Amino acid sequence: GCQVTPATSNPSGGRSAKACGVPKGLTTRALTNAITLPKSLHSDLKTGECTGEKHFHPPDLRSQLSRHSASTSVGDQEANHVLHFPPGNQNRHDTTLGMYERLLAPESRLSGQRSSILPPVFPPQIFCNGLNYKQHCLEVNLEFPKLPVVVFKLPQSVIGDNQQIIIPKCAQSKNEVDYEGELAVIIGKRGKNIREEDALNYVYGYTCANDVSARRWQGKKNGNQWSRCKSFDTFCPIGPVIASPSIIKNPNNLNIRTFLNGKIVQSSNTSNMIFSVQRLIHEVSKGTTLLPGSLILTGTPAGVGLSRNEFLKENDRCEIEIEMIGKLCNTVAIEQ
């Protein structure tokens, strides 16, 4: 089957991936650093982007973010060419697109074999924002915050699309692990004390995130602070792609839904956030240098498992869908 292999840098890219739930016109650039392919698919690579016999290497986003950090804004030509390619330059990316489609499509030759895509970015920092939707505050019986409630996740909690959320042994109590569908902001260049009116100039792009949380660790198990409960390994799925600001011009008006085993459990719009994306960037950058590739999770709407008494369990399938980005899909396993 297909398994993830260590990364190597190879600047190439992709475009929309319908089979991944990605809207037409959206890039699949930097979905993964390397995918190990079965020999049966090796013959499909026609562009010389295959190194060795079985390893296909899409781009290393970290090198792009490093280069992008010197840019004056995400709207300049260099930044646009990191994520988007003019129509005349897309032919060399067709194989990348086709490969993602074949890897993930149900009718694929890989049907029945597990394939996965690495996260679109490996963040040096992850900032979470709690209680940023009024209806979510109401469902958990907490007051509306007057300032953003910022907590942190460890970077090693990140996984990609179609990779497994693994519930650790220490969090396997009944009614423990919860989903939280969220819009994630990816920072594109270094910044500190960023003004709210300048905040979107620091955005590299947007992706879907699931701020998985262990509720008992959020409370009595860990002194009522939130960071630990959100930082267990695999508790930060992100993906499947990055949508650049040229696609999402207003991140504060996007439909967002969460599905649990095919049933809609969260449905809202980022216009319902208490604090806008610009305000969140402004607040988290106070006295703190934001680094290229850092993630800012913008909070979850109403419908979390805590209020529904419906928590994640083995073999569940949890999907986060955001307008103009696509759908992030992960299944759940139990640590043995």
C-alpha atoms as a PDB file:
ATOM      1  CA  GLY A   1       0.000   0.000   0.000  1.00  0.00           C
ATOM      2  CA  CYS A   2       0.941   3.667   0.101  1.00  0.00           C
ATOM      3  CA  GLN A   3       2.886   4.929   3.069  1.00  0.00           C
ATOM      4  CA  VAL A   4       4.523   8.219   3.884  1.00  0.00           C
ATOM      5  CA  THR A   5       8.301   8.412   3.510  1.00  0.00           C
ATOM      6  CA  PRO A   6      10.862  11.031   4.656  1.00  0.00           C
ATOM      7  CA  ALA A   7      10.861  14.382   2.896  1.00  0.00           C
ATOM      8  CA  THR A   8      13.192  15.694   0.247  1.00  0.00           C
ATOM      9  CA  SER A   9      12.936  19.054  -1.453  1.00  0.00           C
ATOM     10  CA  ASN A  10      11.642  19.131  -5.015  1.00  0.00           C
ATOM     11  CA  PRO A  11       9.838  22.338  -6.053  1.00  0.00           C
ATOM     12  CA  SER A  12       6.873  21.199  -8.114  1.00  0.00           C
ATOM     13  CA  GLY A  13       3.170  21.645  -7.597  1.00  0.00           C
ATOM     14  CA  GLY A  14      -0.398  20.736  -8.345  1.00  0.00           C
ATOM     15  CA  ARG A  15      -3.871  22.059  -8.899  1.00  0.00           C
ATOM     16  CA  SER A  16      -7.406  21.115  -7.915  1.00  0.00           C
ATOM     17  CA  ALA A  17      -8.180  17.610  -6.682  1.00  0.00           C
ATOM     18  CA  LYS A  18     -11.855  16.875  -7.069  1.00  0.00           C
ATOM     19  CA  ALA A  19     -11.518  13.421  -5.540  1.00  0.00           C
ATOM     20  CA  CYS A  20     -10.125  14.943  -2.334  1.00  0.00           C
ATOM     21  CA  GLY A  21     -13.136  17.218  -1.898  1.00  0.00           C
ATOM     22  CA  VAL A  22     -11.141  20.203  -3.143  1.00  0.00           C
ATOM     23  CA  PRO A  23     -12.991  22.924  -5.099  1.00  0.00           C
ATOM     24  CA  LYS A  24     -12.162  23.535  -8.735  1.00  0.00           C
ATOM     25  CA  GLY A  25      -9.301  25.975  -9.151  1.00  0.00           C
ATOM     26  CA  LEU A  26      -7.676  25.204  -5.803  1.00  0.00           C
ATOM     27  CA  THR A  27      -4.080  24.107  -5.679  1.00  0.00           C
ATOM     28  CA  THR A  28      -2.962  20.790  -4.226  1.00  0.00           C
ATOM     29  CA  ARG A  29       0.527  22.217  -3.947  1.00  0.00           C
ATOM     30  CA  ALA A  30       2.549  21.096  -0.922  1.00  0.00           C
ATOM     31  CA  LEU A  31       0.093  18.426   0.136  1.00  0.00           C
ATOM     32  CA  THR A  32       2.928  16.114   1.013  1.00  0.00           C
ATOM     33  CA  ASN A  33       6.668  15.782   0.945  1.00  0.00           C
ATOM     34  CA  ALA A  34       6.773  12.219  -0.252  1.00  0.00           C
ATOM     35  CA  ILE A  35       4.399   9.369  -0.985  1.00  0.00           C
ATOM     36  CA  THR A  36       5.562   5.802  -1.487  1.00  0.00           C
ATOM     37  CA  LEU A  37       3.750   4.389  -4.500  1.00  0.00           C
ATOM     38  CA  PRO A  38       3.202   0.782  -5.529  1.00  0.00           C
ATOM     39  CA  LYS A  39       5.053  -0.259  -8.677  1.00  0.00           C
ATOM     40  CA  SER A  40       1.717  -0.459 -10.513  1.00  0.00           C
ATOM     41  CA  LEU A  41       1.457   3.338 -10.436  1.00  0.00           C
ATOM     42  CA  HIS A  42       5.085   4.071 -11.251  1.00  0.00           C
ATOM     43  CA  SER A  43       4.414   3.820 -14.989  1.00  0.00           C
ATOM     44  CA  ASP A  44       1.870   6.637 -14.701  1.00  0.00           C
ATOM     45  CA  LEU A  45       4.581   9.189 -13.912  1.00  0.00           C
ATOM     46  CA  LYS A  46       5.576  10.830 -17.183  1.00  0.00           C
ATOM     47  CA  THR A  47       7.244  14.072 -16.152  1.00  0.00           C
ATOM     48  CA  GLY A  48      10.498  12.931 -14.598  1.00  0.00           C
ATOM     49  CA  GLU A  49       9.317  13.855 -11.095  1.00  0.00           C
ATOM     50  CA  CYS A  50       9.910  10.348  -9.778  1.00  0.00           C
ATOM     51  CA  THR A  51      13.165   9.657  -7.971  1.00  0.00           C
ATOM     52  CA  GLY A  52      14.135   6.024  -7.701  1.00  0.00           C
ATOM     53  CA  GLU A  53      11.593   3.337  -8.427  1.00  0.00           C
ATOM     54  CA  LYS A  54       8.779   3.983  -6.006  1.00  0.00           C
ATOM     55  CA  HIS A  55       9.034   7.461  -4.497  1.00  0.00           C
ATOM     56  CA  PHE A  56       7.090  10.424  -5.815  1.00  0.00           C
ATOM     57  CA  HIS A  57       8.155  13.760  -4.361  1.00  0.00           C
ATOM     58  CA  PRO A  58       5.814  16.766  -4.432  1.00  0.00           C
ATOM     59  CA  PRO A  59       7.210  19.989  -2.992  1.00  0.00           C
ATOM     60  CA  ASP A  60       8.689  20.756   0.372  1.00  0.00           C
ATOM     61  CA  LEU A  61       6.555  23.631   1.661  1.00  0.00           C
ATOM     62  CA  ARG A  62       9.060  24.543   4.334  1.00  0.00           C
ATOM     63  CA  SER A  63      11.566  25.759   1.759  1.00  0.00           C
ATOM     64  CA  GLN A  64       8.814  27.782   0.090  1.00  0.00           C
ATOM     65  CA  LEU A  65       7.788  29.331   3.400  1.00  0.00           C
ATOM     66  CA  SER A  66      11.378  30.220   4.146  1.00  0.00           C
ATOM     67  CA  ARG A  67      11.678  31.958   0.786  1.00  0.00           C
ATOM     68  CA  HIS A  68       8.279  33.558   1.240  1.00  0.00           C
ATOM     69  CA  SER A  69       9.281  35.028   4.597  1.00  0.00           C
ATOM     70  CA  ALA A  70      11.316  37.668   2.755  1.00  0.00           C
ATOM     71  CA  SER A  71       8.301  38.768   0.711  1.00  0.00           C
ATOM     72  CA  THR A  72       6.663  42.108   1.377  1.00  0.00           C
ATOM     73  CA  SER A  73       3.145  40.690   1.201  1.00  0.00           C
ATOM     74  CA  VAL A  74       1.312  37.500   0.328  1.00  0.00           C
ATOM     75  CA  GLY A  75      -0.192  39.250  -2.685  1.00  0.00           C
ATOM     76  CA  ASP A  76       3.060  39.834  -4.536  1.00  0.00           C
ATOM     77  CA  GLN A  77       4.138  37.840  -7.544  1.00  0.00           C
ATOM     78  CA  GLU A  78       6.530  35.577  -5.674  1.00  0.00           C
ATOM     79  CA  ALA A  79       3.865  34.517  -3.195  1.00  0.00           C
ATOM     80  CA  ASN A  80       1.328  33.882  -5.942  1.00  0.00           C
ATOM     81  CA  HIS A  81       3.743  31.578  -7.710  1.00  0.00           C
ATOM     82  CA  VAL A  82       4.281  29.620  -4.527  1.00  0.00           C
ATOM     83  CA  LEU A  83       0.662  28.479  -4.567  1.00  0.00           C
ATOM     84  CA  HIS A  84      -0.748  29.303  -7.986  1.00  0.00           C
ATOM     85  CA  PHE A  85       0.489  28.826 -11.514  1.00  0.00           C
ATOM     86  CA  PRO A  86      -0.754  30.641 -14.618  1.00  0.00           C
ATOM     87  CA  PRO A  87      -2.772  28.384 -16.929  1.00  0.00           C
ATOM     88  CA  GLY A  88       0.086  28.150 -19.394  1.00  0.00           C
ATOM     89  CA  ASN A  89       2.392  26.704 -16.738  1.00  0.00           C
ATOM     90  CA  GLN A  90       0.083  24.036 -15.335  1.00  0.00           C
ATOM     91  CA  ASN A  91       0.826  21.179 -17.700  1.00  0.00           C
ATOM     92  CA  ARG A  92       3.799  20.001 -15.723  1.00  0.00           C
ATOM     93  CA  HIS A  93       1.591  19.686 -12.635  1.00  0.00           C
ATOM     94  CA  ASP A  94      -1.063  17.476 -14.223  1.00  0.00           C
ATOM     95  CA  THR A  95       0.679  14.315 -13.095  1.00  0.00           C
ATOM     96  CA  THR A  96       0.692  15.541  -9.497  1.00  0.00           C
ATOM     97  CA  LEU A  97      -3.039  16.174  -9.645  1.00  0.00           C
ATOM     98  CA  GLY A  98      -3.724  12.838 -11.261  1.00  0.00           C
ATOM     99  CA  MET A  99      -1.661  11.043  -8.663  1.00  0.00           C
ATOM    100  CA  TYR A 100      -3.595  12.548  -5.751  1.00  0.00           C
ATOM    101  CA  GLU A 101      -6.867  11.720  -7.467  1.00  0.00           C
ATOM    102  CA  ARG A 102      -5.851   8.094  -8.009  1.00  0.00           C
ATOM    103  CA  LEU A 103      -4.486   7.750  -4.485  1.00  0.00           C
ATOM    104  CA  LEU A 104      -7.707   8.892  -2.816  1.00  0.00           C
ATOM    105  CA  ALA A 105     -10.522   8.000  -5.228  1.00  0.00           C
ATOM    106  CA  PRO A 106     -12.715   5.098  -4.034  1.00  0.00           C
ATOM    107  CA  GLU A 107     -12.491   3.428  -7.457  1.00  0.00           C
ATOM    108  CA  SER A 108      -8.690   3.664  -7.407  1.00  0.00           C
ATOM    109  CA  ARG A 109      -6.423   0.699  -7.947  1.00  0.00           C
ATOM    110  CA  LEU A 110      -5.467   1.329  -4.334  1.00  0.00           C
ATOM    111  CA  SER A 111      -9.014   0.564  -3.199  1.00  0.00           C
ATOM    112  CA  GLY A 112      -8.838  -1.318   0.064  1.00  0.00           C
ATOM    113  CA  GLN A 113      -5.287  -0.142   0.715  1.00  0.00           C
ATOM    114  CA  ARG A 114      -4.598   2.693   3.128  1.00  0.00           C
ATOM    115  CA  SER A 115      -3.123   5.848   1.609  1.00  0.00           C
ATOM    116  CA  SER A 116      -2.442   9.114   3.362  1.00  0.00           C
ATOM    117  CA  ILE A 117      -1.197  12.615   2.711  1.00  0.00           C
ATOM    118  CA  LEU A 118       1.193  14.469   4.972  1.00  0.00           C
ATOM    119  CA  PRO A 119       0.090  17.812   6.465  1.00  0.00           C
ATOM    120  CA  PRO A 120       0.303  20.805   4.100  1.00  0.00           C
ATOM    121  CA  VAL A 121       2.636  22.483   6.594  1.00  0.00           C
ATOM    122  CA  PHE A 122       4.724  21.449   9.610  1.00  0.00           C
ATOM    123  CA  PRO A 123       4.152  24.428  11.915  1.00  0.00           C
ATOM    124  CA  PRO A 124       6.758  25.736  14.350  1.00  0.00           C
ATOM    125  CA  GLN A 125       3.937  27.241  16.464  1.00  0.00           C
ATOM    126  CA  ILE A 126       0.251  26.424  16.934  1.00  0.00           C
ATOM    127  CA  PHE A 127      -2.053  28.978  18.575  1.00  0.00           C
ATOM    128  CA  CYS A 128      -5.601  27.889  19.436  1.00  0.00           C
ATOM    129  CA  ASN A 129      -8.498  30.191  20.222  1.00  0.00           C
ATOM    130  CA  GLY A 130     -11.250  28.997  22.510  1.00  0.00           C
ATOM    131  CA  LEU A 131     -14.812  30.229  22.844  1.00  0.00           C
ATOM    132  CA  ASN A 132     -14.807  32.232  19.605  1.00  0.00           C
ATOM    133  CA  TYR A 133     -18.404  31.448  18.578  1.00  0.00           C
ATOM    134  CA  LYS A 134     -21.273  32.713  20.739  1.00  0.00           C
ATOM    135  CA  GLN A 135     -23.377  29.582  20.224  1.00  0.00           C
ATOM    136  CA  HIS A 136     -20.463  27.437  21.377  1.00  0.00           C
ATOM    137  CA  CYS A 137     -20.108  29.565  24.520  1.00  0.00           C
ATOM    138  CA  LEU A 138     -23.788  29.052  25.216  1.00  0.00           C
ATOM    139  CA  GLU A 139     -23.673  25.281  24.739  1.00  0.00           C
ATOM    140  CA  VAL A 140     -20.851  24.907  27.274  1.00  0.00           C
ATOM    141  CA  ASN A 141     -22.365  27.486  29.671  1.00  0.00           C
ATOM    142  CA  LEU A 142     -19.470  29.939  29.570  1.00  0.00           C
ATOM    143  CA  GLU A 143     -19.551  33.721  29.222  1.00  0.00           C
ATOM    144  CA  PHE A 144     -18.621  35.433  25.978  1.00  0.00           C
ATOM    145  CA  PRO A 145     -14.930  36.362  26.191  1.00  0.00           C
ATOM    146  CA  LYS A 146     -13.907  40.004  26.129  1.00  0.00           C
ATOM    147  CA  LEU A 147     -10.521  39.065  24.664  1.00  0.00           C
ATOM    148  CA  PRO A 148      -9.422  36.004  22.651  1.00  0.00           C
ATOM    149  CA  VAL A 149      -8.841  32.913  24.799  1.00  0.00           C
ATOM    150  CA  VAL A 150      -5.461  31.776  23.462  1.00  0.00           C
ATOM    151  CA  VAL A 151      -4.043  28.331  24.260  1.00  0.00           C
ATOM    152  CA  PHE A 152      -1.358  26.251  22.578  1.00  0.00           C
ATOM    153  CA  LYS A 153      -0.948  22.897  20.867  1.00  0.00           C
ATOM    154  CA  LEU A 154       2.369  21.118  20.459  1.00  0.00           C
ATOM    155  CA  PRO A 155       3.556  20.970  16.824  1.00  0.00           C
ATOM    156  CA  GLN A 156       4.039  17.192  17.001  1.00  0.00           C
ATOM    157  CA  SER A 157       0.272  16.801  17.365  1.00  0.00           C
ATOM    158  CA  VAL A 158      -0.131  17.575  13.642  1.00  0.00           C
ATOM    159  CA  ILE A 159      -1.243  14.909  11.158  1.00  0.00           C
ATOM    160  CA  GLY A 160      -2.581  15.118   7.618  1.00  0.00           C
ATOM    161  CA  ASP A 161      -5.653  14.160   5.645  1.00  0.00           C
ATOM    162  CA  ASN A 162      -6.634  10.481   5.809  1.00  0.00           C
ATOM    163  CA  GLN A 163      -4.228   9.828   8.682  1.00  0.00           C
ATOM    164  CA  GLN A 164      -5.535   8.383  11.939  1.00  0.00           C
ATOM    165  CA  ILE A 165      -6.434  10.202  15.127  1.00  0.00           C
ATOM    166  CA  ILE A 166      -5.068   7.847  17.796  1.00  0.00           C
ATOM    167  CA  ILE A 167      -6.626   8.082  21.239  1.00  0.00           C
ATOM    168  CA  PRO A 168      -3.776   7.569  23.743  1.00  0.00           C
ATOM    169  CA  LYS A 169      -3.988   5.153  26.650  1.00  0.00           C
ATOM    170  CA  CYS A 170      -4.163   8.053  29.108  1.00  0.00           C
ATOM    171  CA  ALA A 171      -7.319   9.459  27.468  1.00  0.00           C
ATOM    172  CA  GLN A 172      -9.459   6.375  26.941  1.00  0.00           C
ATOM    173  CA  SER A 173     -12.018   7.082  29.625  1.00  0.00           C
ATOM    174  CA  LYS A 174     -15.632   7.064  28.478  1.00  0.00           C
ATOM    175  CA  ASN A 175     -16.794  10.424  27.091  1.00  0.00           C
ATOM    176  CA  GLU A 176     -13.280  11.773  26.737  1.00  0.00           C
ATOM    177  CA  VAL A 177     -12.011  12.715  23.261  1.00  0.00           C
ATOM    178  CA  ASP A 178     -13.892  15.362  21.293  1.00  0.00           C
ATOM    179  CA  TYR A 179     -13.779  16.908  17.819  1.00  0.00           C
ATOM    180  CA  GLU A 180     -13.644  20.643  17.050  1.00  0.00           C
ATOM    181  CA  GLY A 181     -13.896  21.706  13.405  1.00  0.00           C
ATOM    182  CA  GLU A 182     -12.020  24.954  12.776  1.00  0.00           C
ATOM    183  CA  LEU A 183     -10.608  27.277  10.138  1.00  0.00           C
ATOM    184  CA  ALA A 184      -6.803  27.358  10.394  1.00  0.00           C
ATOM    185  CA  VAL A 185      -4.725  30.353   9.320  1.00  0.00           C
ATOM    186  CA  ILE A 186      -1.179  29.726   8.081  1.00  0.00           C
ATOM    187  CA  ILE A 187       1.282  32.563   8.658  1.00  0.00           C
ATOM    188  CA  GLY A 188       3.524  33.390   5.709  1.00  0.00           C
ATOM    189  CA  LYS A 189       6.198  35.680   7.112  1.00  0.00           C
ATOM    190  CA  ARG A 190       7.683  36.779  10.402  1.00  0.00           C
ATOM    191  CA  GLY A 191       5.750  39.374  12.328  1.00  0.00           C
ATOM    192  CA  LYS A 192       5.402  40.812  15.807  1.00  0.00           C
ATOM    193  CA  ASN A 193       2.928  43.314  17.254  1.00  0.00           C
ATOM    194  CA  ILE A 194       1.004  43.163  13.987  1.00  0.00           C
ATOM    195  CA  ARG A 195      -1.631  45.826  13.493  1.00  0.00           C
ATOM    196  CA  GLU A 196      -5.124  44.542  12.880  1.00  0.00           C
ATOM    197  CA  GLU A 197      -5.404  46.466   9.613  1.00  0.00           C
ATOM    198  CA  ASP A 198      -2.195  44.813   8.347  1.00  0.00           C
ATOM    199  CA  ALA A 199      -2.915  41.312   9.608  1.00  0.00           C
ATOM    200  CA  LEU A 200      -4.026  39.680   6.347  1.00  0.00           C
ATOM    201  CA  ASN A 201      -0.729  40.701   4.720  1.00  0.00           C
ATOM    202  CA  TYR A 202       0.919  38.087   6.954  1.00  0.00           C
ATOM    203  CA  VAL A 203      -1.352  35.240   5.857  1.00  0.00           C
ATOM    204  CA  TYR A 204       0.108  32.554   3.608  1.00  0.00           C
ATOM    205  CA  GLY A 205      -3.170  30.676   3.290  1.00  0.00           C
ATOM    206  CA  TYR A 206      -5.988  28.784   4.970  1.00  0.00           C
ATOM    207  CA  THR A 207      -6.761  25.140   5.641  1.00  0.00           C
ATOM    208  CA  CYS A 208      -9.152  22.938   7.625  1.00  0.00           C
ATOM    209  CA  ALA A 209      -8.278  21.824  11.144  1.00  0.00           C
ATOM    210  CA  ASN A 210      -9.692  19.525  13.795  1.00  0.00           C
ATOM    211  CA  ASP A 211      -8.734  20.759  17.255  1.00  0.00           C
ATOM    212  CA  VAL A 212      -9.111  17.349  18.888  1.00  0.00           C
ATOM    213  CA  SER A 213      -9.408  17.693  22.667  1.00  0.00           C
ATOM    214  CA  ALA A 214      -9.451  15.302  25.644  1.00  0.00           C
ATOM    215  CA  ARG A 215     -12.137  16.786  27.873  1.00  0.00           C
ATOM    216  CA  ARG A 216     -11.139  15.197  31.191  1.00  0.00           C
ATOM    217  CA  TRP A 217      -7.573  16.402  30.661  1.00  0.00           C
ATOM    218  CA  GLN A 218      -9.068  19.823  29.971  1.00  0.00           C
ATOM    219  CA  GLY A 219     -10.485  19.744  33.470  1.00  0.00           C
ATOM    220  CA  LYS A 220      -9.563  17.823  36.592  1.00  0.00           C
ATOM    221  CA  LYS A 221      -6.835  15.629  35.089  1.00  0.00           C
ATOM    222  CA  ASN A 222      -4.523  18.546  34.405  1.00  0.00           C
ATOM    223  CA  GLY A 223      -5.353  21.475  36.663  1.00  0.00           C
ATOM    224  CA  ASN A 224      -8.022  23.021  34.418  1.00  0.00           C
ATOM    225  CA  GLN A 225      -5.566  24.368  31.845  1.00  0.00           C
ATOM    226  CA  TRP A 226      -6.264  23.519  28.205  1.00  0.00           C
ATOM    227  CA  SER A 227      -2.986  23.110  26.342  1.00  0.00           C
ATOM    228  CA  ARG A 228      -2.154  19.558  27.426  1.00  0.00           C
ATOM    229  CA  CYS A 229      -5.557  18.171  26.489  1.00  0.00           C
ATOM    230  CA  LYS A 230      -5.112  19.425  22.919  1.00  0.00           C
ATOM    231  CA  SER A 231      -1.480  18.400  22.452  1.00  0.00           C
ATOM    232  CA  PHE A 232      -1.483  14.611  22.445  1.00  0.00           C
ATOM    233  CA  ASP A 233       0.055  13.015  19.362  1.00  0.00           C
ATOM    234  CA  THR A 234      -2.296  13.106  16.305  1.00  0.00           C
ATOM    235  CA  PHE A 235      -4.652  15.624  17.975  1.00  0.00           C
ATOM    236  CA  CYS A 236      -4.222  18.296  15.272  1.00  0.00           C
ATOM    237  CA  PRO A 237      -5.331  17.027  11.850  1.00  0.00           C
ATOM    238  CA  ILE A 238      -4.951  19.706   9.145  1.00  0.00           C
ATOM    239  CA  GLY A 239      -5.463  19.759   5.381  1.00  0.00           C
ATOM    240  CA  PRO A 240      -6.112  18.616   2.773  1.00  0.00           C
ATOM    241  CA  VAL A 241      -4.764  21.700   0.972  1.00  0.00           C
ATOM    242  CA  ILE A 242      -3.799  25.316   1.476  1.00  0.00           C
ATOM    243  CA  ALA A 243      -6.113  27.921  -0.059  1.00  0.00           C
ATOM    244  CA  SER A 244      -4.252  31.173  -0.667  1.00  0.00           C
ATOM    245  CA  PRO A 245      -5.642  34.673  -0.040  1.00  0.00           C
ATOM    246  CA  SER A 246      -6.122  35.037  -3.784  1.00  0.00           C
ATOM    247  CA  ILE A 247      -8.880  32.427  -3.446  1.00  0.00           C
ATOM    248  CA  ILE A 248     -10.198  33.310   0.019  1.00  0.00           C
ATOM    249  CA  LYS A 249     -10.393  37.080   0.034  1.00  0.00           C
ATOM    250  CA  ASN A 250     -12.591  37.206   3.140  1.00  0.00           C
ATOM    251  CA  PRO A 251     -11.857  34.466   5.698  1.00  0.00           C
ATOM    252  CA  ASN A 252     -14.587  35.868   7.943  1.00  0.00           C
ATOM    253  CA  ASN A 253     -17.407  34.595   5.739  1.00  0.00           C
ATOM    254  CA  LEU A 254     -16.890  30.868   5.093  1.00  0.00           C
ATOM    255  CA  ASN A 255     -19.329  28.037   5.693  1.00  0.00           C
ATOM    256  CA  ILE A 256     -17.900  25.377   8.017  1.00  0.00           C
ATOM    257  CA  ARG A 257     -19.307  21.938   8.825  1.00  0.00           C
ATOM    258  CA  THR A 258     -18.198  18.884  10.781  1.00  0.00           C
ATOM    259  CA  PHE A 259     -19.404  15.379   9.971  1.00  0.00           C
ATOM    260  CA  LEU A 260     -19.206  12.424  12.352  1.00  0.00           C
ATOM    261  CA  ASN A 261     -19.762   9.122  10.572  1.00  0.00           C
ATOM    262  CA  GLY A 262     -21.542  11.001   7.782  1.00  0.00           C
ATOM    263  CA  LYS A 263     -23.870  12.975  10.083  1.00  0.00           C
ATOM    264  CA  ILE A 264     -23.593  16.760  10.335  1.00  0.00           C
ATOM    265  CA  VAL A 265     -22.750  17.671  13.940  1.00  0.00           C
ATOM    266  CA  GLN A 266     -21.467  21.228  13.448  1.00  0.00           C
ATOM    267  CA  SER A 267     -22.699  23.768  10.897  1.00  0.00           C
ATOM    268  CA  SER A 268     -21.918  27.480  10.986  1.00  0.00           C
ATOM    269  CA  ASN A 269     -20.134  30.311   9.218  1.00  0.00           C
ATOM    270  CA  THR A 270     -16.947  32.114  10.217  1.00  0.00           C
ATOM    271  CA  SER A 271     -18.982  35.342  10.167  1.00  0.00           C
ATOM    272  CA  ASN A 272     -20.284  34.109  13.520  1.00  0.00           C
ATOM    273  CA  MET A 273     -16.847  34.313  15.128  1.00  0.00           C
ATOM    274  CA  ILE A 274     -16.618  36.741  18.033  1.00  0.00           C
ATOM    275  CA  PHE A 275     -13.099  37.799  16.995  1.00  0.00           C
ATOM    276  CA  SER A 276     -12.173  38.071  13.320  1.00  0.00           C
ATOM    277  CA  VAL A 277      -9.108  36.492  11.738  1.00  0.00           C
ATOM    278  CA  GLN A 278      -7.459  39.934  11.694  1.00  0.00           C
ATOM    279  CA  ARG A 279      -8.126  40.446  15.406  1.00  0.00           C
ATOM    280  CA  LEU A 280      -6.769  37.019  16.295  1.00  0.00           C
ATOM    281  CA  ILE A 281      -3.532  37.622  14.391  1.00  0.00           C
ATOM    282  CA  HIS A 282      -3.196  41.012  16.086  1.00  0.00           C
ATOM    283  CA  GLU A 283      -3.717  39.530  19.545  1.00  0.00           C
ATOM    284  CA  VAL A 284      -1.474  36.468  19.297  1.00  0.00           C
ATOM    285  CA  SER A 285       1.377  38.560  17.840  1.00  0.00           C
ATOM    286  CA  LYS A 286       1.502  40.901  20.843  1.00  0.00           C
ATOM    287  CA  GLY A 287       4.995  40.519  22.237  1.00  0.00           C
ATOM    288  CA  THR A 288       5.379  37.276  20.280  1.00  0.00           C
ATOM    289  CA  THR A 289       7.111  36.756  16.936  1.00  0.00           C
ATOM    290  CA  LEU A 290       4.965  34.735  14.559  1.00  0.00           C
ATOM    291  CA  LEU A 291       7.075  32.473  12.352  1.00  0.00           C
ATOM    292  CA  PRO A 292       6.458  31.376   8.748  1.00  0.00           C
ATOM    293  CA  GLY A 293       4.328  28.254   8.750  1.00  0.00           C
ATOM    294  CA  SER A 294       2.756  28.899  12.143  1.00  0.00           C
ATOM    295  CA  LEU A 295      -0.898  27.941  12.582  1.00  0.00           C
ATOM    296  CA  ILE A 296      -3.637  29.978  14.186  1.00  0.00           C
ATOM    297  CA  LEU A 297      -6.775  27.929  14.854  1.00  0.00           C
ATOM    298  CA  THR A 298      -9.750  30.262  14.970  1.00  0.00           C
ATOM    299  CA  GLY A 299     -12.155  28.450  17.285  1.00  0.00           C
ATOM    300  CA  THR A 300     -14.971  25.962  16.870  1.00  0.00           C
ATOM    301  CA  PRO A 301     -18.717  26.536  16.398  1.00  0.00           C
ATOM    302  CA  ALA A 302     -21.499  24.908  18.409  1.00  0.00           C
ATOM    303  CA  GLY A 303     -22.103  21.175  18.187  1.00  0.00           C
ATOM    304  CA  VAL A 304     -19.061  19.682  19.927  1.00  0.00           C
ATOM    305  CA  GLY A 305     -19.390  16.198  21.387  1.00  0.00           C
ATOM    306  CA  LEU A 306     -19.305  17.563  24.938  1.00  0.00           C
ATOM    307  CA  SER A 307     -22.691  19.193  24.418  1.00  0.00           C
ATOM    308  CA  ARG A 308     -24.102  16.305  22.369  1.00  0.00           C
ATOM    309  CA  ASN A 309     -22.703  13.535  24.589  1.00  0.00           C
ATOM    310  CA  GLU A 310     -21.239  12.045  21.436  1.00  0.00           C
ATOM    311  CA  PHE A 311     -17.475  11.543  21.671  1.00  0.00           C
ATOM    312  CA  LEU A 312     -14.905  10.049  19.320  1.00  0.00           C
ATOM    313  CA  LYS A 313     -14.471   6.289  19.478  1.00  0.00           C
ATOM    314  CA  GLU A 314     -12.606   3.607  17.579  1.00  0.00           C
ATOM    315  CA  ASN A 315     -13.399   3.394  13.838  1.00  0.00           C
ATOM    316  CA  ASP A 316     -15.260   6.719  13.789  1.00  0.00           C
ATOM    317  CA  ARG A 317     -14.782   8.924  10.740  1.00  0.00           C
ATOM    318  CA  CYS A 318     -14.584  12.657  11.383  1.00  0.00           C
ATOM    319  CA  GLU A 319     -14.621  15.180   8.534  1.00  0.00           C
ATOM    320  CA  ILE A 320     -14.158  18.953   8.591  1.00  0.00           C
ATOM    321  CA  GLU A 321     -15.470  20.793   5.529  1.00  0.00           C
ATOM    322  CA  ILE A 322     -14.849  24.480   4.850  1.00  0.00           C
ATOM    323  CA  GLU A 323     -16.101  26.441   1.887  1.00  0.00           C
ATOM    324  CA  MET A 324     -13.430  27.130  -0.774  1.00  0.00           C
ATOM    325  CA  ILE A 325     -10.949  24.774   0.920  1.00  0.00           C
ATOM    326  CA  GLY A 326     -12.349  21.250   0.852  1.00  0.00           C
ATOM    327  CA  LYS A 327     -12.802  18.399   3.309  1.00  0.00           C
ATOM    328  CA  LEU A 328     -10.353  17.051   5.875  1.00  0.00           C
ATOM    329  CA  CYS A 329     -11.034  13.382   6.619  1.00  0.00           C
ATOM    330  CA  ASN A 330      -9.650  11.304   9.489  1.00  0.00           C
ATOM    331  CA  THR A 331     -10.582   8.034  11.136  1.00  0.00           C
ATOM    332  CA  VAL A 332     -10.108   7.179  14.809  1.00  0.00           C
ATOM    333  CA  ALA A 333      -8.007   4.414  16.349  1.00  0.00           C
ATOM    334  CA  ILE A 334      -7.180   3.370  19.902  1.00  0.00           C
ATOM    335  CA  GLU A 335      -3.621   3.154  21.196  1.00  0.00           C
ATOM    336  CA  GLN A 336      -2.937  -0.430  22.266  1.00  0.00           C
END
